[in-house]
Amino acid sequence: MNKYCALLVVVSLPLSARDFVLAGRLEGVRHTSISIRMADGRAVDAVLPAGIAVPYSAADQVEITCTPVKTVYDAQAALHFHLLMKSLRLVRTATPQERAEVMALLSWQPGENLLYRPEPVAPRSLSELERVRQVNLEYLSKMPNFVADETARRYESDDAEKPWRLYDTIEDEITFRGVELGRRNIRQNGKRFPSPFIQLGHFRWGGGFGVELHALFDATCPTKIDFAGTEAGSGSELLVYLFSSPPEGCFWPHAWGSLKNTYNPARTGRILVDAGRGNVVRYQEESAGFPEKFGKDRGTMTQSWDYVRIGDATYLLPISAEFVARQSDGSAERVLVEYKNHRHFEAATSVTFGKDR
């Protein structure tokens, strides 16, 4: 019997002209659905018909043959399903390293998953978590004001069968003043964009280092944090913590379609902490459980920070981010962001704070 999934028999359904094949690593099996992650980063969810089983393990490379079906909303999974899986084929089994990486990913994903069986982790002392908490809250209170050049490439896809296509490239100067941010000198595909960021249209990204730290570590917030082991970083040990927050927690709400359509979903995530300094250097979040009519099914965000020199001092500042959202109709949007040329914030800079999250 497979260690990760106790389903025994594989069968297939008759194929038709509408069917298509998708390939990726196996990341989720529920009693009624399957999820794979394609090479371009997109998650694909499909309904499992009665009688089809999945005798494979997390991270195995598979091909699934799917057919489009009338949209079905699964309230337990809080997902809209547009595909029916008709057959499944193993391409190759995962290497130990690939399986370890995916199991780390699955450890903080919400909901039922028959592939994931958590291994017990020896708890670290509460005093160490308290040190991490205090280090990051203190950092938040003293975060430097700075300006950086932001480049964001926005991609879109109509459905799982279609590849990502580049929609546009946005360049601007982004200004962080504490936890507030603003943008100026916006250019879209090299041409000046004369309107505020909020009028850019399509998927607008938000967040900012500071917002997440408050929601993670402030004692008045309902976020739960658990130690999950260690990883090797670039020259230092990294502590791994998993977190979860209920709906309407301290994180910022999502707006979809319009600023009036907002919802503050549950979050689960994973943070990597510089063991020596105690600072968060990588943040991964998945938001889930959106209402059926909200318009969005999945949301993921990854942010990375590094030590950046500005003048005679070195600061821990954001260097990159990725945002992916899948809509209820099966289409998806993705933003890849880079921050470069960090410099001190000029007091004379004209910015608008808080309106472009």
Protein backbone atom coordinates (compact mmCIF):
# COMPACT_ATOMS: atom_id res chain seq x y z
CA MET A 1 0.00 0.00 0.00
CA ASN A 2 1.29 3.47 -0.86
CA LYS A 3 2.61 5.41 2.10
CA TYR A 4 0.81 8.61 1.21
CA CYS A 5 -2.42 7.52 -0.41
CA ALA A 6 -4.42 4.42 0.43
CA LEU A 7 -6.35 4.28 -2.83
CA LEU A 8 -5.86 1.04 -4.68
CA VAL A 9 -7.17 0.82 -8.23
CA VAL A 10 -6.60 2.98 -11.30
CA VAL A 11 -9.25 3.00 -14.01
CA SER A 12 -9.91 5.34 -16.92
CA LEU A 13 -12.94 6.71 -18.70
CA PRO A 14 -13.52 6.78 -22.48
CA LEU A 15 -11.78 9.69 -24.19
CA SER A 16 -13.35 12.25 -26.52
CA ALA A 17 -12.25 15.00 -28.91
CA ARG A 18 -12.57 17.62 -26.16
CA ASP A 19 -10.01 15.93 -23.93
CA PHE A 20 -6.53 17.32 -23.33
CA VAL A 21 -3.47 16.29 -21.34
CA LEU A 22 -1.80 18.30 -18.57
CA ALA A 23 1.49 17.38 -16.91
CA GLY A 24 2.91 18.30 -13.53
CA ARG A 25 3.88 17.16 -10.08
CA LEU A 26 1.25 15.60 -7.87
CA GLU A 27 0.41 17.90 -4.95
CA GLY A 28 -3.08 17.09 -3.79
CA VAL A 29 -5.52 14.21 -3.58
CA ARG A 30 -8.86 14.60 -1.87
CA HIS A 31 -11.69 12.09 -1.83
CA THR A 32 -13.34 13.81 -4.78
CA SER A 33 -10.56 15.78 -6.55
CA ILE A 34 -6.90 15.89 -7.57
CA SER A 35 -4.37 18.74 -7.83
CA ILE A 36 -1.15 18.95 -9.81
CA ARG A 37 1.38 21.78 -10.17
CA MET A 38 2.50 22.42 -13.74
CA ALA A 39 6.01 23.52 -14.67
CA ASP A 40 4.86 27.14 -15.11
CA GLY A 41 3.74 27.28 -11.48
CA ARG A 42 -0.02 26.96 -11.95
CA ALA A 43 -2.06 24.63 -9.79
CA VAL A 44 -4.67 22.54 -11.65
CA ASP A 45 -7.66 21.10 -9.77
CA ALA A 46 -9.89 18.44 -11.35
CA VAL A 47 -12.81 16.33 -10.17
CA LEU A 48 -12.08 12.63 -9.58
CA PRO A 49 -14.91 10.43 -10.88
CA ALA A 50 -16.08 7.55 -8.74
CA GLY A 51 -13.81 4.55 -9.28
CA ILE A 52 -10.62 6.46 -10.20
CA ALA A 53 -7.86 6.12 -7.65
CA VAL A 54 -4.41 7.65 -7.28
CA PRO A 55 -1.72 5.15 -6.17
CA TYR A 56 1.15 7.64 -6.38
CA SER A 57 3.06 9.85 -3.95
CA ALA A 58 3.58 13.53 -3.40
CA ALA A 59 5.81 15.16 -6.07
CA ASP A 60 5.55 12.28 -8.56
CA GLN A 61 5.44 13.60 -12.12
CA VAL A 62 2.13 12.64 -13.71
CA GLU A 63 -0.02 13.32 -16.75
CA ILE A 64 -3.75 13.74 -16.34
CA THR A 65 -6.21 13.60 -19.21
CA CYS A 66 -9.05 16.02 -18.54
CA THR A 67 -12.23 17.17 -20.18
CA PRO A 68 -14.07 20.46 -19.55
CA VAL A 69 -17.29 20.13 -17.56
CA LYS A 70 -19.98 22.45 -16.29
CA THR A 71 -18.61 24.42 -13.34
CA VAL A 72 -19.10 22.73 -9.98
CA TYR A 73 -18.52 24.50 -6.66
CA ASP A 74 -17.22 22.32 -3.82
CA ALA A 75 -18.14 24.12 -0.61
CA GLN A 76 -15.84 21.97 1.54
CA ALA A 77 -12.80 22.73 -0.63
CA ALA A 78 -14.09 26.27 -1.39
CA LEU A 79 -13.10 25.78 -5.04
CA HIS A 80 -14.84 25.94 -8.40
CA PHE A 81 -14.03 22.91 -10.55
CA HIS A 82 -14.08 23.20 -14.36
CA LEU A 83 -12.32 19.94 -15.26
CA LEU A 84 -13.04 16.23 -14.93
CA MET A 85 -10.03 13.90 -14.82
CA LYS A 86 -10.57 10.91 -17.10
CA SER A 87 -7.23 9.12 -16.80
CA LEU A 88 -3.92 9.35 -14.97
CA ARG A 89 -0.44 8.26 -16.04
CA LEU A 90 2.79 8.19 -14.06
CA VAL A 91 5.69 9.86 -15.93
CA ARG A 92 8.31 9.24 -13.26
CA THR A 93 8.57 8.93 -9.52
CA ALA A 94 9.94 11.87 -7.58
CA THR A 95 13.49 12.01 -6.29
CA PRO A 96 13.93 12.14 -2.50
CA GLN A 97 14.85 15.83 -2.78
CA GLU A 98 11.79 16.65 -4.88
CA ARG A 99 9.54 14.80 -2.47
CA ALA A 100 11.07 16.58 0.53
CA GLU A 101 10.51 19.98 -1.12
CA VAL A 102 6.89 19.24 -1.95
CA MET A 103 6.17 17.77 1.46
CA ALA A 104 7.48 21.02 2.96
CA LEU A 105 5.07 22.88 0.70
CA LEU A 106 2.14 20.64 1.59
CA SER A 107 2.84 21.09 5.28
CA TRP A 108 1.20 24.52 5.26
CA GLN A 109 -1.50 24.03 2.63
CA PRO A 110 -5.06 24.21 3.96
CA GLY A 111 -7.73 21.55 3.73
CA GLU A 112 -7.84 17.79 3.23
CA ASN A 113 -4.93 16.14 1.43
CA LEU A 114 -4.48 12.36 1.40
CA LEU A 115 -0.88 12.76 0.17
CA TYR A 116 0.33 14.52 3.28
CA ARG A 117 1.07 12.78 6.54
CA PRO A 118 2.90 15.18 8.87
CA GLU A 119 6.04 13.93 10.54
CA PRO A 120 6.46 14.93 14.18
CA VAL A 121 8.89 17.80 14.71
CA ALA A 122 10.66 18.30 18.01
CA PRO A 123 9.42 21.63 19.38
CA ARG A 124 11.85 24.49 19.87
CA SER A 125 11.76 26.51 23.04
CA LEU A 126 9.04 29.11 23.39
CA SER A 127 11.75 31.59 24.27
CA GLU A 128 13.22 31.26 20.76
CA LEU A 129 9.89 32.04 19.11
CA GLU A 130 9.50 34.95 21.51
CA ARG A 131 12.94 36.21 20.45
CA VAL A 132 11.90 36.00 16.78
CA ARG A 133 8.68 37.83 17.63
CA GLN A 134 10.46 40.65 19.41
CA VAL A 135 13.20 40.99 16.76
CA ASN A 136 10.67 41.39 13.96
CA LEU A 137 8.35 43.73 15.84
CA GLU A 138 11.32 45.90 16.72
CA TYR A 139 12.47 45.83 13.09
CA LEU A 140 8.97 46.86 12.04
CA SER A 141 9.04 49.81 14.41
CA LYS A 142 12.40 50.97 13.00
CA MET A 143 12.03 49.99 9.35
CA PRO A 144 13.88 52.54 7.22
CA ASN A 145 12.10 54.77 4.73
CA PHE A 146 13.40 54.00 1.26
CA VAL A 147 12.76 54.20 -2.47
CA ALA A 148 13.38 51.36 -4.95
CA ASP A 149 12.92 50.77 -8.67
CA GLU A 150 10.07 48.28 -9.11
CA THR A 151 9.62 46.15 -12.22
CA ALA A 152 6.51 43.98 -12.43
CA ARG A 153 5.66 41.57 -15.24
CA ARG A 154 1.98 40.66 -15.36
CA TYR A 155 0.82 37.43 -16.96
CA GLU A 156 -2.61 35.97 -17.63
CA SER A 157 -4.10 32.66 -18.78
CA ASP A 158 -7.65 31.87 -19.85
CA ASP A 159 -7.61 28.33 -18.45
CA ALA A 160 -5.32 25.48 -17.44
CA GLU A 161 -4.88 24.33 -21.03
CA LYS A 162 -3.52 27.72 -22.14
CA PRO A 163 0.04 28.86 -21.27
CA TRP A 164 0.85 32.08 -19.44
CA ARG A 165 1.04 35.07 -21.78
CA LEU A 166 2.72 38.33 -20.87
CA TYR A 167 0.06 41.01 -20.49
CA ASP A 168 2.30 44.00 -19.74
CA THR A 169 5.39 45.24 -17.93
CA ILE A 170 5.03 47.92 -15.26
CA GLU A 171 7.98 50.01 -14.10
CA ASP A 172 7.83 52.63 -11.35
CA GLU A 173 9.47 54.06 -8.27
CA ILE A 174 8.01 52.49 -5.17
CA THR A 175 8.34 54.30 -1.86
CA PHE A 176 8.15 52.61 1.53
CA ARG A 177 7.55 54.85 4.50
CA GLY A 178 7.12 52.56 7.46
CA VAL A 179 4.39 50.14 6.38
CA GLU A 180 2.87 52.61 3.91
CA LEU A 181 3.77 52.55 0.26
CA GLY A 182 3.29 54.74 -2.77
CA ARG A 183 4.23 54.72 -6.44
CA ARG A 184 5.24 57.41 -8.90
CA ASN A 185 6.66 57.66 -12.42
CA ILE A 186 4.59 54.68 -13.54
CA ARG A 187 5.34 53.32 -17.01
CA GLN A 188 3.35 50.62 -18.79
CA ASN A 189 5.25 48.85 -21.55
CA GLY A 190 7.73 51.72 -21.57
CA LYS A 191 5.10 54.46 -21.89
CA ARG A 192 4.13 56.89 -19.15
CA PHE A 193 0.96 55.91 -17.29
CA PRO A 194 -0.57 59.23 -16.21
CA SER A 195 -3.17 57.92 -13.75
CA PRO A 196 -2.77 56.59 -10.18
CA PHE A 197 -1.72 52.97 -9.67
CA ILE A 198 -5.21 52.03 -8.54
CA GLN A 199 -6.50 52.76 -12.08
CA LEU A 200 -4.02 50.40 -13.73
CA GLY A 201 -6.62 47.67 -14.28
CA HIS A 202 -6.18 43.90 -14.31
CA PHE A 203 -4.47 42.28 -11.32
CA ARG A 204 -2.95 44.91 -9.01
CA TRP A 205 -0.49 43.54 -6.49
CA GLY A 206 -0.13 44.82 -2.95
CA GLY A 207 1.31 43.93 0.41
CA GLY A 208 4.56 45.17 1.81
CA PHE A 209 7.10 44.16 4.40
CA GLY A 210 5.64 45.34 7.68
CA VAL A 211 2.03 44.50 7.00
CA GLU A 212 2.85 40.80 7.22
CA LEU A 213 5.11 41.19 10.27
CA HIS A 214 2.38 42.89 12.25
CA ALA A 215 -0.19 40.23 11.34
CA LEU A 216 2.28 37.46 12.15
CA PHE A 217 3.75 38.57 15.43
CA ASP A 218 1.54 41.11 17.17
CA ALA A 219 0.19 39.46 20.32
CA THR A 220 -3.29 40.89 19.72
CA CYS A 221 -3.59 39.06 16.38
CA PRO A 222 -5.11 35.54 16.16
CA THR A 223 -2.22 34.11 14.11
CA LYS A 224 -0.96 30.70 15.26
CA ILE A 225 2.76 29.92 14.70
CA ASP A 226 4.43 26.49 14.97
CA PHE A 227 8.05 25.44 14.56
CA ALA A 228 8.58 23.10 11.59
CA GLY A 229 12.33 22.44 11.47
CA THR A 230 15.39 24.04 9.90
CA GLU A 231 16.79 24.57 6.40
CA ALA A 232 20.19 25.55 5.08
CA GLY A 233 20.33 29.09 3.73
CA SER A 234 23.03 30.99 1.89
CA GLY A 235 25.67 30.77 4.56
CA SER A 236 23.34 30.54 7.55
CA GLU A 237 20.80 28.27 9.21
CA LEU A 238 17.16 29.11 8.61
CA LEU A 239 14.38 28.38 11.07
CA VAL A 240 11.11 27.27 9.49
CA TYR A 241 7.80 28.28 11.04
CA LEU A 242 4.28 27.52 9.82
CA PHE A 243 1.45 29.93 10.50
CA SER A 244 -2.31 30.04 10.17
CA SER A 245 -4.82 32.81 10.63
CA PRO A 246 -8.63 32.60 10.63
CA PRO A 247 -10.83 34.74 8.38
CA GLU A 248 -11.02 38.39 9.40
CA GLY A 249 -7.62 38.23 11.08
CA CYS A 250 -4.99 40.99 11.04
CA PHE A 251 -4.02 40.54 7.39
CA TRP A 252 -5.25 42.94 4.73
CA PRO A 253 -8.51 41.98 2.95
CA HIS A 254 -8.56 41.00 -0.72
CA ALA A 255 -10.37 43.22 -3.23
CA TRP A 256 -11.49 41.56 -6.44
CA GLY A 257 -13.05 43.29 -9.41
CA SER A 258 -13.79 46.46 -7.45
CA LEU A 259 -12.84 48.04 -4.13
CA LYS A 260 -16.36 47.32 -2.89
CA ASN A 261 -15.93 43.57 -3.36
CA THR A 262 -13.64 42.70 -0.45
CA TYR A 263 -13.10 39.67 1.76
CA ASN A 264 -10.49 38.89 4.40
CA PRO A 265 -9.87 35.13 3.99
CA ALA A 266 -8.09 32.58 6.14
CA ARG A 267 -4.34 32.37 5.59
CA THR A 268 -1.84 29.59 5.95
CA GLY A 269 1.83 30.04 5.30
CA ARG A 270 5.49 29.39 5.89
CA ILE A 271 8.23 31.78 6.98
CA LEU A 272 11.99 31.32 6.91
CA VAL A 273 13.90 33.09 9.67
CA ASP A 274 17.61 33.90 9.81
CA ALA A 275 18.52 31.83 12.87
CA GLY A 276 21.35 34.12 13.93
CA ARG A 277 19.60 37.49 13.58
CA GLY A 278 16.00 36.38 14.08
CA ASN A 279 14.66 38.25 11.02
CA VAL A 280 12.12 36.87 8.54
CA VAL A 281 13.83 36.56 5.12
CA ARG A 282 11.16 34.70 3.14
CA TYR A 283 7.39 34.72 3.44
CA GLN A 284 4.98 32.31 1.70
CA GLU A 285 1.23 32.63 2.01
CA GLU A 286 -1.85 30.94 0.64
CA SER A 287 -5.27 32.49 1.08
CA ALA A 288 -8.25 30.19 0.84
CA GLY A 289 -11.91 29.73 1.62
CA PHE A 290 -13.31 32.53 -0.53
CA PRO A 291 -17.11 32.79 -0.81
CA GLU A 292 -18.67 31.14 -3.84
CA LYS A 293 -19.68 34.45 -5.46
CA PHE A 294 -16.52 36.42 -4.60
CA GLY A 295 -14.88 35.73 -7.97
CA LYS A 296 -11.55 34.33 -6.73
CA ASP A 297 -10.63 30.76 -5.72
CA ARG A 298 -6.93 30.69 -4.97
CA GLY A 299 -4.38 33.28 -3.92
CA THR A 300 -0.68 32.77 -3.24
CA MET A 301 2.07 35.21 -2.41
CA THR A 302 5.82 34.76 -1.94
CA GLN A 303 8.11 37.58 -0.81
CA SER A 304 11.88 37.54 -0.31
CA TRP A 305 14.22 39.96 1.48
CA ASP A 306 17.96 40.37 1.59
CA TYR A 307 20.54 42.65 3.17
CA VAL A 308 20.92 45.74 0.98
CA ARG A 309 23.48 48.50 1.37
CA ILE A 310 22.21 52.10 1.28
CA GLY A 311 24.90 54.68 1.88
CA ASP A 312 27.04 53.54 4.79
CA ALA A 313 24.47 51.19 6.32
CA THR A 314 23.00 47.78 5.52
CA TYR A 315 19.26 47.08 5.77
CA LEU A 316 17.04 44.04 5.34
CA LEU A 317 14.71 45.02 2.49
CA PRO A 318 12.38 43.37 -0.06
CA ILE A 319 14.05 42.23 -3.29
CA SER A 320 11.37 40.15 -5.05
CA ALA A 321 7.79 38.94 -4.88
CA GLU A 322 5.36 36.70 -6.76
CA PHE A 323 1.57 36.89 -6.70
CA VAL A 324 -0.74 34.32 -8.32
CA ALA A 325 -4.53 34.40 -8.35
CA ARG A 326 -7.01 32.03 -9.94
CA GLN A 327 -10.47 33.28 -10.63
CA SER A 328 -13.70 31.34 -10.18
CA ASP A 329 -14.07 30.96 -13.95
CA GLY A 330 -10.73 29.09 -14.20
CA SER A 331 -8.66 31.95 -15.61
CA ALA A 332 -5.52 33.02 -13.75
CA GLU A 333 -3.22 36.00 -13.29
CA ARG A 334 0.39 36.17 -12.13
CA VAL A 335 2.74 39.02 -11.23
CA LEU A 336 6.53 38.69 -10.89
CA VAL A 337 8.10 41.67 -9.11
CA GLU A 338 11.72 42.79 -8.64
CA TYR A 339 12.98 45.63 -6.44
CA LYS A 340 16.36 47.13 -7.32
CA ASN A 341 18.47 50.24 -6.72
CA HIS A 342 17.27 50.78 -3.14
CA ARG A 343 17.98 54.27 -1.84
CA HIS A 344 16.94 56.59 0.96
CA PHE A 345 13.50 58.12 0.89
CA GLU A 346 13.57 61.83 0.02
CA ALA A 347 11.20 63.81 2.21
CA ALA A 348 10.25 65.97 -0.77
CA THR A 349 9.02 62.99 -2.80
CA SER A 350 5.31 63.31 -3.59
CA VAL A 351 3.57 59.99 -2.95
CA THR A 352 0.16 58.71 -2.00
CA PHE A 353 0.10 56.26 0.88
CA GLY A 354 -2.24 53.42 1.61
CA LYS A 355 -4.43 53.60 -1.50
CA ASP A 356 -2.68 51.13 -3.77
CA ARG A 357 -2.56 47.97 -1.72
